[in-house]
Structure formats: structure tokens, C-alpha cells
C-alpha atoms as a PDB file:
ATOM      1  CA  MET A   1     180.756 154.022 224.354  1.00  0.00           C
ATOM      2  CA  LYS A   2     184.007 154.240 222.444  1.00  0.00           C
ATOM      3  CA  GLN A   3     184.726 156.928 219.885  1.00  0.00           C
ATOM      4  CA  ALA A   4     184.312 155.935 216.247  1.00  0.00           C
ATOM      5  CA  ILE A   5     187.738 157.374 215.345  1.00  0.00           C
ATOM      6  CA  MET A   6     190.934 156.295 217.064  1.00  0.00           C
ATOM      7  CA  SER A   7     194.466 157.653 217.174  1.00  0.00           C
ATOM      8  CA  THR A   8     197.362 156.216 215.228  1.00  0.00           C
ATOM      9  CA  ALA A   9     199.088 155.323 218.498  1.00  0.00           C
ATOM     10  CA  GLU A  10     196.064 153.376 219.747  1.00  0.00           C
ATOM     11  CA  ALA A  11     195.729 151.506 216.444  1.00  0.00           C
ATOM     12  CA  CYS A  12     199.437 150.671 216.524  1.00  0.00           C
ATOM     13  CA  SER A  13     199.180 149.229 220.021  1.00  0.00           C
ATOM     14  CA  ILE A  14     196.327 146.968 218.878  1.00  0.00           C
ATOM     15  CA  LEU A  15     198.102 145.870 215.693  1.00  0.00           C
ATOM     16  CA  GLY A  16     201.539 145.588 217.291  1.00  0.00           C
ATOM     17  CA  ILE A  17     203.318 147.694 214.661  1.00  0.00           C
ATOM     18  CA  ARG A  18     205.094 151.044 214.626  1.00  0.00           C
ATOM     19  CA  PRO A  19     203.311 154.237 213.533  1.00  0.00           C
ATOM     20  CA  ALA A  20     205.509 154.691 210.438  1.00  0.00           C
ATOM     21  CA  ARG A  21     204.607 151.189 209.255  1.00  0.00           C
ATOM     22  CA  LEU A  22     200.889 151.828 209.794  1.00  0.00           C
ATOM     23  CA  ARG A  23     201.076 155.089 207.844  1.00  0.00           C
ATOM     24  CA  HIS A  24     202.894 153.307 205.003  1.00  0.00           C
ATOM     25  CA  LEU A  25     200.295 150.512 204.896  1.00  0.00           C
ATOM     26  CA  MET A  26     197.479 153.060 204.775  1.00  0.00           C
ATOM     27  CA  ARG A  27     199.162 155.208 202.079  1.00  0.00           C
ATOM     28  CA  THR A  28     199.772 152.174 199.845  1.00  0.00           C
ATOM     29  CA  LYS A  29     196.229 150.879 200.515  1.00  0.00           C
ATOM     30  CA  ALA A  30     197.580 147.578 201.836  1.00  0.00           C
ATOM     31  CA  ILE A  31     195.248 147.911 204.826  1.00  0.00           C
ATOM     32  CA  ASP A  32     191.807 149.540 204.673  1.00  0.00           C
ATOM     33  CA  ILE A  33     191.103 150.846 208.151  1.00  0.00           C
ATOM     34  CA  GLY A  34     190.438 154.500 207.418  1.00  0.00           C
ATOM     35  CA  ARG A  35     191.446 157.442 205.270  1.00  0.00           C
ATOM     36  CA  VAL A  36     194.615 159.282 204.396  1.00  0.00           C
ATOM     37  CA  VAL A  37     193.966 163.012 204.081  1.00  0.00           C
ATOM     38  CA  GLU A  38     196.586 164.791 202.011  1.00  0.00           C
ATOM     39  CA  PRO A  39     197.524 168.365 202.998  1.00  0.00           C
ATOM     40  CA  ALA A  40     195.486 171.029 201.221  1.00  0.00           C
ATOM     41  CA  ASN A  41     198.397 172.915 199.672  1.00  0.00           C
ATOM     42  CA  GLY A  42     200.509 169.852 198.873  1.00  0.00           C
ATOM     43  CA  LYS A  43     203.064 170.713 201.546  1.00  0.00           C
ATOM     44  CA  GLY A  44     203.198 169.345 205.048  1.00  0.00           C
ATOM     45  CA  ASN A  45     202.110 166.090 206.611  1.00  0.00           C
ATOM     46  CA  SER A  46     199.157 163.886 205.764  1.00  0.00           C
ATOM     47  CA  SER A  47     196.502 163.173 208.368  1.00  0.00           C
ATOM     48  CA  TYR A  48     195.298 159.662 209.134  1.00  0.00           C
ATOM     49  CA  ILE A  49     191.726 158.929 210.166  1.00  0.00           C
ATOM     50  CA  ILE A  50     191.357 155.422 211.578  1.00  0.00           C
ATOM     51  CA  TYR A  51     187.874 154.019 212.083  1.00  0.00           C
ATOM     52  CA  ARG A  52     187.511 151.674 215.055  1.00  0.00           C
ATOM     53  CA  ASP A  53     184.933 149.427 213.345  1.00  0.00           C
ATOM     54  CA  LYS A  54     187.080 149.011 210.229  1.00  0.00           C
ATOM     55  CA  LEU A  55     190.152 148.189 212.320  1.00  0.00           C
ATOM     56  CA  MET A  56     188.284 145.652 214.413  1.00  0.00           C
ATOM     57  CA  THR A  57     186.842 144.060 211.253  1.00  0.00           C
ATOM     58  CA  GLU A  58     190.337 143.914 209.745  1.00  0.00           C
ATOM     59  CA  ILE A  59     191.747 142.025 212.729  1.00  0.00           C
ATOM     60  CA  GLY A  60     188.691 139.788 212.990  1.00  0.00           C
ATOM     61  CA  ARG A  61     187.051 141.159 216.135  1.00  0.00           C
ATOM     62  CA  ILE A  62     183.366 140.352 216.134  1.00  0.00           C
ATOM     63  CA  ASP A  63     182.460 142.716 218.986  1.00  0.00           C
ATOM     64  CA  LYS A  64     183.706 145.719 216.928  1.00  0.00           C
ATOM     65  CA  GLY A  65     185.792 147.439 219.538  1.00  0.00           C
ATOM     66  CA  GLU A  66     185.174 146.304 223.070  1.00  0.00           C
ATOM     67  CA  TRP A  67     188.916 145.811 223.323  1.00  0.00           C
ATOM     68  CA  GLU A  68     190.850 147.307 226.240  1.00  0.00           C
ATOM     69  CA  ARG A  69     194.615 147.327 226.706  1.00  0.00           C
END
């Protein structure tokens, strides 16, 4: 069974885009595949939580994640 959360790198390889572009799309809510977690103190980097089921739904995969590269 696959994990419910995937890395940014794995999501980028499925979508065929660079990590910076994926982060931008998530921050601007152009793509709804997970959550952007802002740093607690307002300084530092945001974290990106990407849900496998949401990503697979976004790209139109019916099997919800049985995809292997």
C-alpha cells in the first residue's frame, strides 16, 4: 500500500513540472492537491503536504495512485 502523503519531488515527476512551479501553484491555490503550511514564527520556509488521492484525482487517475515510475 502506498503512503497517503507524497513528496514534492515525487509529485513533480508525475506532473512533469519543476518543484518551484508546483510550490507556486499550491501557494496561489491554482492546484488543490494538498496543503501549504506556513512557518510558525513567520520566518523560514513553508512546508507542502501533498495528498496522493488528491493528486491522482487532479490528473484524472481513476485507480487513485497505483502509478509507478
